[in-house]
Amino acid sequence: MTGLFKNNPRRKLRKLVKEKKYDEALKFGHEIEKSLKHDPDILFIIGTIYFIIGDAQKTISYMNKTLEIGQFDIDALSIKASIFLNQKKKSQVIECCEKIRMIDPKNKALKEIEQELEKF
């Protein structure tokens, strides 16, 4: 039974991220992205790696790609909102928050982002 999951690219990518091998994870992620370009999980993981290493522009790009496939991805919206919050782009933060609120009005991340938004 374990052989079924042996060559799972998502699992390998997550493992590299967990081990903090970000350069290797990005290289592998971009390789598999070519054949799995419509896989929102792969796009989200790559975007998360860019978020971890501090590349806001590429993070936003990958979160947008993720949202093109799955427009109701609260995690992708939350990451975008966090980046826009850090960049002091209030209108874009509000836009992300409104989308999250439509999907899950009681979302914990939404409440945290809105509290931070009130500070500026």
C-alpha atoms as a PDB file:
ATOM      1  CA  MET A   1       0.000   0.000   0.000  1.00  0.00           C
ATOM      2  CA  THR A   2       2.802   2.468   0.743  1.00  0.00           C
ATOM      3  CA  GLY A   3       4.046   2.152  -2.833  1.00  0.00           C
ATOM      4  CA  LEU A   4       1.030   4.148  -3.987  1.00  0.00           C
ATOM      5  CA  PHE A   5       2.387   7.290  -2.338  1.00  0.00           C
ATOM      6  CA  LYS A   6       6.068   6.782  -3.039  1.00  0.00           C
ATOM      7  CA  ASN A   7       6.305   9.117  -6.028  1.00  0.00           C
ATOM      8  CA  ASN A   8       3.848  11.776  -4.884  1.00  0.00           C
ATOM      9  CA  PRO A   9       5.372  15.125  -5.989  1.00  0.00           C
ATOM     10  CA  ARG A  10       3.313  17.148  -3.473  1.00  0.00           C
ATOM     11  CA  ARG A  11       4.592  15.012  -0.633  1.00  0.00           C
ATOM     12  CA  LYS A  12       8.202  15.395  -1.770  1.00  0.00           C
ATOM     13  CA  LEU A  13       7.781  19.151  -2.144  1.00  0.00           C
ATOM     14  CA  ARG A  14       6.242  19.477   1.330  1.00  0.00           C
ATOM     15  CA  LYS A  15       9.036  17.352   2.782  1.00  0.00           C
ATOM     16  CA  LEU A  16      11.680  19.650   1.303  1.00  0.00           C
ATOM     17  CA  VAL A  17       9.878  22.676   2.752  1.00  0.00           C
ATOM     18  CA  LYS A  18       9.563  21.009   6.155  1.00  0.00           C
ATOM     19  CA  GLU A  19      13.300  20.308   6.068  1.00  0.00           C
ATOM     20  CA  LYS A  20      13.871  23.996   5.183  1.00  0.00           C
ATOM     21  CA  LYS A  21      15.579  23.084   1.906  1.00  0.00           C
ATOM     22  CA  TYR A  22      13.997  26.024   0.118  1.00  0.00           C
ATOM     23  CA  ASP A  23      16.358  26.261  -2.862  1.00  0.00           C
ATOM     24  CA  GLU A  24      15.955  22.553  -3.565  1.00  0.00           C
ATOM     25  CA  ALA A  25      12.202  22.817  -3.031  1.00  0.00           C
ATOM     26  CA  LEU A  26      11.912  25.705  -5.500  1.00  0.00           C
ATOM     27  CA  LYS A  27      13.980  23.857  -8.091  1.00  0.00           C
ATOM     28  CA  PHE A  28      11.851  20.725  -7.710  1.00  0.00           C
ATOM     29  CA  GLY A  29       8.637  22.779  -7.571  1.00  0.00           C
ATOM     30  CA  HIS A  30       9.411  24.549 -10.825  1.00  0.00           C
ATOM     31  CA  GLU A  31      10.264  21.222 -12.475  1.00  0.00           C
ATOM     32  CA  ILE A  32       6.946  19.631 -11.534  1.00  0.00           C
ATOM     33  CA  GLU A  33       5.028  22.835 -12.163  1.00  0.00           C
ATOM     34  CA  LYS A  34       5.599  22.319 -15.896  1.00  0.00           C
ATOM     35  CA  SER A  35       3.569  19.123 -15.896  1.00  0.00           C
ATOM     36  CA  LEU A  36       1.217  20.042 -13.028  1.00  0.00           C
ATOM     37  CA  LYS A  37       0.567  23.699 -13.862  1.00  0.00           C
ATOM     38  CA  HIS A  38      -3.138  23.361 -13.078  1.00  0.00           C
ATOM     39  CA  ASP A  39      -2.542  21.853  -9.647  1.00  0.00           C
ATOM     40  CA  PRO A  40      -3.428  24.515  -7.056  1.00  0.00           C
ATOM     41  CA  ASP A  41      -1.583  22.636  -4.302  1.00  0.00           C
ATOM     42  CA  ILE A  42       1.728  22.773  -6.166  1.00  0.00           C
ATOM     43  CA  LEU A  43       1.248  26.461  -7.003  1.00  0.00           C
ATOM     44  CA  PHE A  44       0.296  27.228  -3.402  1.00  0.00           C
ATOM     45  CA  ILE A  45       3.331  25.410  -2.005  1.00  0.00           C
ATOM     46  CA  ILE A  46       5.684  27.241  -4.389  1.00  0.00           C
ATOM     47  CA  GLY A  47       4.045  30.538  -3.421  1.00  0.00           C
ATOM     48  CA  THR A  48       4.435  29.670   0.242  1.00  0.00           C
ATOM     49  CA  ILE A  49       8.147  29.018  -0.260  1.00  0.00           C
ATOM     50  CA  TYR A  50       8.503  32.474  -1.786  1.00  0.00           C
ATOM     51  CA  PHE A  51       6.556  33.863   1.191  1.00  0.00           C
ATOM     52  CA  ILE A  52       8.943  32.156   3.615  1.00  0.00           C
ATOM     53  CA  ILE A  53      12.035  33.497   1.864  1.00  0.00           C
ATOM     54  CA  GLY A  54      10.532  36.987   1.658  1.00  0.00           C
ATOM     55  CA  ASP A  55       9.832  37.434  -2.054  1.00  0.00           C
ATOM     56  CA  ALA A  56       6.497  39.261  -1.927  1.00  0.00           C
ATOM     57  CA  GLN A  57       6.161  39.766  -5.683  1.00  0.00           C
ATOM     58  CA  LYS A  58       6.554  36.076  -6.522  1.00  0.00           C
ATOM     59  CA  THR A  59       4.363  35.089  -3.582  1.00  0.00           C
ATOM     60  CA  ILE A  60       1.535  37.277  -4.900  1.00  0.00           C
ATOM     61  CA  SER A  61       2.032  35.866  -8.393  1.00  0.00           C
ATOM     62  CA  TYR A  62       1.709  32.276  -7.170  1.00  0.00           C
ATOM     63  CA  MET A  63      -1.218  33.048  -4.879  1.00  0.00           C
ATOM     64  CA  ASN A  64      -2.978  34.646  -7.867  1.00  0.00           C
ATOM     65  CA  LYS A  65      -2.311  31.507  -9.937  1.00  0.00           C
ATOM     66  CA  THR A  66      -3.707  29.405  -7.095  1.00  0.00           C
ATOM     67  CA  LEU A  67      -6.812  31.589  -6.909  1.00  0.00           C
ATOM     68  CA  GLU A  68      -7.364  31.400 -10.680  1.00  0.00           C
ATOM     69  CA  ILE A  69      -7.896  27.665 -10.211  1.00  0.00           C
ATOM     70  CA  GLY A  70      -9.588  27.718  -6.808  1.00  0.00           C
ATOM     71  CA  GLN A  71     -11.067  31.141  -6.134  1.00  0.00           C
ATOM     72  CA  PHE A  72     -12.250  30.107  -2.660  1.00  0.00           C
ATOM     73  CA  ASP A  73      -8.813  29.265  -1.273  1.00  0.00           C
ATOM     74  CA  ILE A  74      -8.827  31.053   2.080  1.00  0.00           C
ATOM     75  CA  ASP A  75      -5.157  30.302   2.761  1.00  0.00           C
ATOM     76  CA  ALA A  76      -4.069  31.934  -0.506  1.00  0.00           C
ATOM     77  CA  LEU A  77      -6.285  34.952   0.207  1.00  0.00           C
ATOM     78  CA  SER A  78      -4.887  35.215   3.742  1.00  0.00           C
ATOM     79  CA  ILE A  79      -1.296  35.168   2.521  1.00  0.00           C
ATOM     80  CA  LYS A  80      -2.073  37.832  -0.075  1.00  0.00           C
ATOM     81  CA  ALA A  81      -3.771  39.962   2.586  1.00  0.00           C
ATOM     82  CA  SER A  82      -0.764  39.580   4.904  1.00  0.00           C
ATOM     83  CA  ILE A  83       1.631  40.706   2.195  1.00  0.00           C
ATOM     84  CA  PHE A  84      -0.550  43.667   1.251  1.00  0.00           C
ATOM     85  CA  LEU A  85      -0.858  44.537   4.945  1.00  0.00           C
ATOM     86  CA  ASN A  86       2.923  44.539   5.262  1.00  0.00           C
ATOM     87  CA  GLN A  87       3.150  46.730   2.152  1.00  0.00           C
ATOM     88  CA  LYS A  88       0.495  49.087   3.599  1.00  0.00           C
ATOM     89  CA  LYS A  89      -1.802  48.523   0.598  1.00  0.00           C
ATOM     90  CA  LYS A  90      -5.041  49.009   2.492  1.00  0.00           C
ATOM     91  CA  SER A  91      -7.494  48.688  -0.403  1.00  0.00           C
ATOM     92  CA  GLN A  92      -5.993  45.377  -1.495  1.00  0.00           C
ATOM     93  CA  VAL A  93      -6.075  44.067   2.080  1.00  0.00           C
ATOM     94  CA  ILE A  94      -9.747  45.019   2.306  1.00  0.00           C
ATOM     95  CA  GLU A  95     -10.479  43.284  -1.004  1.00  0.00           C
ATOM     96  CA  CYS A  96      -8.891  40.040   0.234  1.00  0.00           C
ATOM     97  CA  CYS A  97     -10.728  40.324   3.563  1.00  0.00           C
ATOM     98  CA  GLU A  98     -14.075  40.799   1.819  1.00  0.00           C
ATOM     99  CA  LYS A  99     -13.505  37.627  -0.212  1.00  0.00           C
ATOM    100  CA  ILE A 100     -12.531  35.681   2.907  1.00  0.00           C
ATOM    101  CA  ARG A 101     -15.600  37.023   4.742  1.00  0.00           C
ATOM    102  CA  MET A 102     -17.879  35.805   1.922  1.00  0.00           C
ATOM    103  CA  ILE A 103     -16.393  32.313   2.199  1.00  0.00           C
ATOM    104  CA  ASP A 104     -15.970  32.040   5.976  1.00  0.00           C
ATOM    105  CA  PRO A 105     -17.173  35.010   8.055  1.00  0.00           C
ATOM    106  CA  LYS A 106     -15.799  33.519  11.289  1.00  0.00           C
ATOM    107  CA  ASN A 107     -12.321  32.845   9.921  1.00  0.00           C
ATOM    108  CA  LYS A 108      -9.618  33.400  12.571  1.00  0.00           C
ATOM    109  CA  ALA A 109      -7.031  34.757  10.101  1.00  0.00           C
ATOM    110  CA  LEU A 110      -9.604  37.265   8.853  1.00  0.00           C
ATOM    111  CA  LYS A 111     -10.126  38.634  12.346  1.00  0.00           C
ATOM    112  CA  GLU A 112      -6.366  38.922  12.926  1.00  0.00           C
ATOM    113  CA  ILE A 113      -5.803  40.718   9.613  1.00  0.00           C
ATOM    114  CA  GLU A 114      -8.674  43.112  10.296  1.00  0.00           C
ATOM    115  CA  GLN A 115      -7.254  43.920  13.738  1.00  0.00           C
ATOM    116  CA  GLU A 116      -3.909  44.761  12.151  1.00  0.00           C
ATOM    117  CA  LEU A 117      -5.659  46.800   9.461  1.00  0.00           C
ATOM    118  CA  GLU A 118      -7.294  48.964  12.136  1.00  0.00           C
ATOM    119  CA  LYS A 119      -3.821  50.009  13.316  1.00  0.00           C
ATOM    120  CA  PHE A 120      -3.191  52.100  10.202  1.00  0.00           C
END
